[in-house]
Amino acid sequence: MLRTIRATQYVTALREGGSLPAIVEADDLGLYVIKFRGAGQGPLALVAELVAGEIGRTLGLNVPELVFAQVDPALGRNEPDQEIRDLLRASVGLNLALDYLPGSSMLMNSSRSTRGTTRMTA
């Protein structure tokens, strides 16, 4: 069963991928990469990420902890970017988040047929 955290502070947008993920601070003082259910890909994309993450964990792969993230209507209300404010409003309630890995970076994988995809690496 996944833990549930409450996002308490919007830190920054990652500006990668179609879901506009962001780094948030939570009530447990941890940092998380949150994937918003209000993004264009919709909640089914989050279900797919959850299933893929848990399959990876079951297979023994190192997968960052997945958690449910509660987004309050007040989160990001002072965010100057209208697109992000709209996304936060559309994502009030439960969302999916992954434990943020400090020092991680985006890696472009162009050596295989998955050209153009990105993944977080530590």
Foldseek 3Di string as FASTA:
>chain_A
DAAEWEFDAFDAFPPDDQQRWGWTATPVRFIKTWRFQLTPVHPVVQVVVVVVQVVCVVVVHDFFGKHKYAQALPYCPVPPDPVVNVRSNSRHGITMIGGDDPPWDWDQDCPDPVGPDIDIDD
